[in-house]
Protein backbone atom coordinates (compact mmCIF):
# COMPACT_ATOMS: atom_id res chain seq x y z
CA MET A 1 127.81 77.45 116.97
CA SER A 2 124.34 78.08 115.59
CA THR A 3 122.86 81.54 115.07
CA LYS A 4 119.20 82.36 115.68
CA LEU A 5 117.35 84.71 113.34
CA PHE A 6 114.14 86.66 113.87
CA VAL A 7 111.72 86.63 110.93
CA GLY A 8 108.93 89.22 110.99
CA SER A 9 105.97 90.22 108.81
CA LEU A 10 105.24 86.59 107.96
CA PRO A 11 102.08 85.85 105.97
CA TRP A 12 99.47 84.08 108.11
CA ALA A 13 99.56 80.98 105.87
CA VAL A 14 103.29 80.28 106.39
CA ASN A 15 103.98 77.27 108.62
CA ASP A 16 107.21 75.82 110.07
CA GLU A 17 107.98 73.77 106.93
CA ALA A 18 107.45 76.70 104.54
CA LEU A 19 109.67 78.89 106.72
CA LYS A 20 112.39 76.24 106.79
CA SER A 21 112.32 75.71 103.03
CA ALA A 22 112.62 79.47 102.38
CA PHE A 23 115.88 79.53 104.37
CA GLU A 24 117.42 76.22 103.23
CA ALA A 25 118.68 77.74 99.98
CA HIS A 26 121.00 79.96 102.02
CA GLY A 27 122.56 77.40 104.36
CA LYS A 28 121.91 74.59 106.83
CA VAL A 29 118.76 75.16 108.87
CA VAL A 30 118.84 73.64 112.37
CA SER A 31 115.24 74.61 113.21
CA ALA A 32 112.40 76.85 112.02
CA LYS A 33 109.42 77.82 114.17
CA VAL A 34 106.46 80.09 113.42
CA ILE A 35 105.14 81.52 116.69
CA THR A 36 101.44 80.87 117.21
CA ASP A 37 98.80 82.22 119.58
CA ARG A 38 98.26 79.83 122.49
CA GLU A 39 94.48 80.12 122.45
CA THR A 40 93.67 80.21 118.73
CA GLY A 41 96.68 78.37 117.28
CA LYS A 42 96.94 80.99 114.53
CA SER A 43 100.25 82.49 113.47
CA ARG A 44 101.31 85.67 115.26
CA GLY A 45 103.13 86.84 112.11
CA PHE A 46 106.69 86.13 113.20
CA GLY A 47 109.04 83.26 113.84
CA PHE A 48 112.60 82.16 114.44
CA VAL A 49 115.06 80.25 112.27
CA GLU A 50 118.23 78.73 113.68
CA MET A 51 121.05 78.47 111.14
CA GLU A 52 123.99 76.10 111.62
CA ASN A 53 126.63 78.83 111.64
CA GLU A 54 127.09 82.60 111.50
CA THR A 55 128.12 82.58 107.82
CA ASP A 56 124.89 80.85 106.78
CA ALA A 57 122.90 83.23 109.00
CA ASN A 58 124.52 86.30 107.43
CA ASN A 59 123.90 84.91 103.93
CA ALA A 60 120.22 84.40 104.79
CA ILE A 61 119.89 87.92 106.22
CA GLN A 62 121.48 89.46 103.11
CA ALA A 63 119.35 87.41 100.71
CA LEU A 64 115.98 87.39 102.48
CA ASN A 65 115.61 90.63 104.45
CA GLY A 66 113.01 92.67 102.53
CA SER A 67 112.30 89.81 100.12
CA GLU A 68 108.84 88.51 99.31
CA LEU A 69 107.45 85.33 100.87
CA SER A 70 103.91 84.33 99.89
CA GLY A 71 102.98 87.89 98.95
CA ARG A 72 104.51 89.79 101.90
CA ASN A 73 107.92 91.39 102.34
CA ILE A 74 109.58 89.75 105.33
CA ILE A 75 112.02 91.19 107.86
CA VAL A 76 115.05 89.06 108.74
CA SER A 77 117.57 89.99 111.45
CA GLU A 78 119.68 88.36 114.11
CA ALA A 79 117.49 87.48 117.10
CA LYS A 80 118.12 89.41 120.28
CA PRO A 81 118.35 87.39 123.51
CA LYS A 82 115.43 87.54 125.96
CA LYS A 83 115.94 89.94 128.82
């Protein structure tokens, strides 16, 4: 079963492909999506990455949380379900 990760503090220039490639080194990425503003289309500074399994997700959290991506330190954690 796949595991969804929250990725915060993303640089504005990061797109879906750049987000996916940053996580691929740590396991199989099912999907990667940078959340954008509906009206302007600009990044809102966060996104979600779905990893194939929990092991890959944990590896990505350990390796990437607090690491630098395009000049900013990103936050990576397990996504919490919507209420």
